[in-house]
């Protein structure tokens, strides 16, 4: 199941993949750099900053849309963020193992 939540999309398939919406990327301008603030194994709360994104216009924060544990980062984006600009709908940034009850909250919200 895939759902858009403000500036991010989530794809729920056991773990939750999180990416940026096309409209967010278009509004922010091309992303030139990504700096992960959390790592694999880190626990996150809904709203915690996972990464900062430098764009041609500004620096923005990518915040976790759920509570859980980070299980994977798309590390390749650090060296080459172009996939986020070229195909934001097809490029995940982080995968999170959701805490109990978070999948239901995401589906409802």
C-alpha atoms as a PDB file:
ATOM      1  CA  UNK A   1       0.000   0.000   0.000  1.00  0.00           C
ATOM      2  CA  UNK A   2       1.295   3.453  -0.894  1.00  0.00           C
ATOM      3  CA  UNK A   3       0.130   6.743   0.574  1.00  0.00           C
ATOM      4  CA  UNK A   4       1.165  10.397   0.332  1.00  0.00           C
ATOM      5  CA  UNK A   5       1.546  12.359   3.578  1.00  0.00           C
ATOM      6  CA  UNK A   6       2.301  16.047   2.983  1.00  0.00           C
ATOM      7  CA  UNK A   7       5.884  16.126   1.606  1.00  0.00           C
ATOM      8  CA  UNK A   8       6.613  12.405   1.762  1.00  0.00           C
ATOM      9  CA  UNK A   9       5.161   9.179   0.484  1.00  0.00           C
ATOM     10  CA  UNK A  10       5.151   5.904   2.386  1.00  0.00           C
ATOM     11  CA  UNK A  11       4.975   2.418   0.965  1.00  0.00           C
ATOM     12  CA  UNK A  12       3.881  -0.168   3.482  1.00  0.00           C
ATOM     13  CA  UNK A  13       5.167  -3.695   2.875  1.00  0.00           C
ATOM     14  CA  UNK A  14       6.204  -5.092   6.251  1.00  0.00           C
ATOM     15  CA  UNK A  15       8.757  -2.305   6.605  1.00  0.00           C
ATOM     16  CA  UNK A  16       7.810   1.222   5.562  1.00  0.00           C
ATOM     17  CA  UNK A  17       9.752   2.825   2.713  1.00  0.00           C
ATOM     18  CA  UNK A  18       9.775   6.635   2.869  1.00  0.00           C
ATOM     19  CA  UNK A  19      10.424   8.914  -0.108  1.00  0.00           C
ATOM     20  CA  UNK A  20       9.787  12.460  -1.239  1.00  0.00           C
ATOM     21  CA  UNK A  21       6.710  13.430  -3.219  1.00  0.00           C
ATOM     22  CA  UNK A  22       7.096  14.812  -6.710  1.00  0.00           C
ATOM     23  CA  UNK A  23       5.381  18.046  -5.679  1.00  0.00           C
ATOM     24  CA  UNK A  24       7.835  18.507  -2.786  1.00  0.00           C
ATOM     25  CA  UNK A  25      10.823  18.127  -5.117  1.00  0.00           C
ATOM     26  CA  UNK A  26       9.275  20.472  -7.688  1.00  0.00           C
ATOM     27  CA  UNK A  27       8.527  23.117  -5.024  1.00  0.00           C
ATOM     28  CA  UNK A  28      11.924  22.820  -3.303  1.00  0.00           C
ATOM     29  CA  UNK A  29      14.084  22.759  -6.416  1.00  0.00           C
ATOM     30  CA  UNK A  30      16.699  20.177  -7.317  1.00  0.00           C
ATOM     31  CA  UNK A  31      18.234  18.388  -4.365  1.00  0.00           C
ATOM     32  CA  UNK A  32      22.008  18.820  -4.439  1.00  0.00           C
ATOM     33  CA  UNK A  33      23.061  17.091  -1.196  1.00  0.00           C
ATOM     34  CA  UNK A  34      21.603  14.804   1.460  1.00  0.00           C
ATOM     35  CA  UNK A  35      22.977  14.468   4.990  1.00  0.00           C
ATOM     36  CA  UNK A  36      21.582  11.580   7.041  1.00  0.00           C
ATOM     37  CA  UNK A  37      21.109  12.528  10.711  1.00  0.00           C
ATOM     38  CA  UNK A  38      20.037   9.034  11.770  1.00  0.00           C
ATOM     39  CA  UNK A  39      21.584   5.657  11.012  1.00  0.00           C
ATOM     40  CA  UNK A  40      20.578   2.026  10.660  1.00  0.00           C
ATOM     41  CA  UNK A  41      19.405   0.706  14.016  1.00  0.00           C
ATOM     42  CA  UNK A  42      18.387   4.126  15.334  1.00  0.00           C
ATOM     43  CA  UNK A  43      14.955   4.462  16.906  1.00  0.00           C
ATOM     44  CA  UNK A  44      12.877   7.361  15.587  1.00  0.00           C
ATOM     45  CA  UNK A  45       9.729   9.067  16.746  1.00  0.00           C
ATOM     46  CA  UNK A  46       7.117  10.567  14.450  1.00  0.00           C
ATOM     47  CA  UNK A  47       8.572  13.979  13.506  1.00  0.00           C
ATOM     48  CA  UNK A  48      12.246  13.209  14.201  1.00  0.00           C
ATOM     49  CA  UNK A  49      14.667  14.606  11.614  1.00  0.00           C
ATOM     50  CA  UNK A  50      16.109  11.738   9.570  1.00  0.00           C
ATOM     51  CA  UNK A  51      18.073  13.823   7.079  1.00  0.00           C
ATOM     52  CA  UNK A  52      18.668  17.343   5.850  1.00  0.00           C
ATOM     53  CA  UNK A  53      18.343  18.026   2.155  1.00  0.00           C
ATOM     54  CA  UNK A  54      20.166  20.859   0.462  1.00  0.00           C
ATOM     55  CA  UNK A  55      18.321  22.148  -2.571  1.00  0.00           C
ATOM     56  CA  UNK A  56      19.049  24.915  -5.024  1.00  0.00           C
ATOM     57  CA  UNK A  57      16.649  27.093  -2.999  1.00  0.00           C
ATOM     58  CA  UNK A  58      17.161  26.139   0.667  1.00  0.00           C
ATOM     59  CA  UNK A  59      17.940  23.485   3.254  1.00  0.00           C
ATOM     60  CA  UNK A  60      14.968  21.379   4.333  1.00  0.00           C
ATOM     61  CA  UNK A  61      14.482  18.612   6.860  1.00  0.00           C
ATOM     62  CA  UNK A  62      13.155  15.149   6.108  1.00  0.00           C
ATOM     63  CA  UNK A  63      11.125  14.119   9.146  1.00  0.00           C
ATOM     64  CA  UNK A  64      10.020  10.630  10.031  1.00  0.00           C
ATOM     65  CA  UNK A  65       6.315  10.074   9.369  1.00  0.00           C
ATOM     66  CA  UNK A  66       6.196   7.254  11.928  1.00  0.00           C
ATOM     67  CA  UNK A  67       7.683   5.760  15.070  1.00  0.00           C
ATOM     68  CA  UNK A  68      10.000   2.809  14.579  1.00  0.00           C
ATOM     69  CA  UNK A  69      13.541   1.646  13.886  1.00  0.00           C
ATOM     70  CA  UNK A  70      15.585   2.523  10.807  1.00  0.00           C
ATOM     71  CA  UNK A  71      16.512  -0.672   8.980  1.00  0.00           C
ATOM     72  CA  UNK A  72      17.994   0.758   5.774  1.00  0.00           C
ATOM     73  CA  UNK A  73      19.203   4.049   4.314  1.00  0.00           C
ATOM     74  CA  UNK A  74      19.533   4.699   0.600  1.00  0.00           C
ATOM     75  CA  UNK A  75      23.253   5.469   1.050  1.00  0.00           C
ATOM     76  CA  UNK A  76      23.811   5.962  -2.680  1.00  0.00           C
ATOM     77  CA  UNK A  77      21.900   9.244  -2.460  1.00  0.00           C
ATOM     78  CA  UNK A  78      24.745  10.802  -0.425  1.00  0.00           C
ATOM     79  CA  UNK A  79      27.080  10.635  -3.425  1.00  0.00           C
ATOM     80  CA  UNK A  80      24.403  11.106  -6.065  1.00  0.00           C
ATOM     81  CA  UNK A  81      21.014  12.636  -5.130  1.00  0.00           C
ATOM     82  CA  UNK A  82      19.932  12.829  -8.794  1.00  0.00           C
ATOM     83  CA  UNK A  83      17.472   9.899  -8.528  1.00  0.00           C
ATOM     84  CA  UNK A  84      15.419  12.023  -6.096  1.00  0.00           C
ATOM     85  CA  UNK A  85      15.210  14.786  -8.703  1.00  0.00           C
ATOM     86  CA  UNK A  86      14.625  12.528 -11.706  1.00  0.00           C
ATOM     87  CA  UNK A  87      12.217   9.979 -10.170  1.00  0.00           C
ATOM     88  CA  UNK A  88      11.062  11.014  -6.681  1.00  0.00           C
ATOM     89  CA  UNK A  89       8.090   8.632  -6.811  1.00  0.00           C
ATOM     90  CA  UNK A  90      10.416   5.706  -7.478  1.00  0.00           C
ATOM     91  CA  UNK A  91      13.249   6.578  -5.089  1.00  0.00           C
ATOM     92  CA  UNK A  92      13.037   5.727  -1.402  1.00  0.00           C
ATOM     93  CA  UNK A  93      15.248   7.508   1.125  1.00  0.00           C
ATOM     94  CA  UNK A  94      14.841   5.396   4.255  1.00  0.00           C
ATOM     95  CA  UNK A  95      13.153   2.175   5.347  1.00  0.00           C
ATOM     96  CA  UNK A  96      11.680   1.973   8.835  1.00  0.00           C
ATOM     97  CA  UNK A  97      10.472  -1.027  10.804  1.00  0.00           C
ATOM     98  CA  UNK A  98       7.269   0.385  12.301  1.00  0.00           C
ATOM     99  CA  UNK A  99       6.514   0.308  16.010  1.00  0.00           C
ATOM    100  CA  UNK A 100       3.350  -1.451  17.103  1.00  0.00           C
ATOM    101  CA  UNK A 101       0.224   0.333  15.894  1.00  0.00           C
ATOM    102  CA  UNK A 102       2.022   2.586  13.402  1.00  0.00           C
ATOM    103  CA  UNK A 103       0.860   0.763  10.254  1.00  0.00           C
ATOM    104  CA  UNK A 104      -2.758   1.178  11.300  1.00  0.00           C
ATOM    105  CA  UNK A 105      -2.165   4.864  12.106  1.00  0.00           C
ATOM    106  CA  UNK A 106      -0.588   5.457   8.692  1.00  0.00           C
ATOM    107  CA  UNK A 107      -3.434   3.692   6.893  1.00  0.00           C
ATOM    108  CA  UNK A 108      -6.033   5.752   8.763  1.00  0.00           C
ATOM    109  CA  UNK A 109      -4.263   9.113   8.704  1.00  0.00           C
END
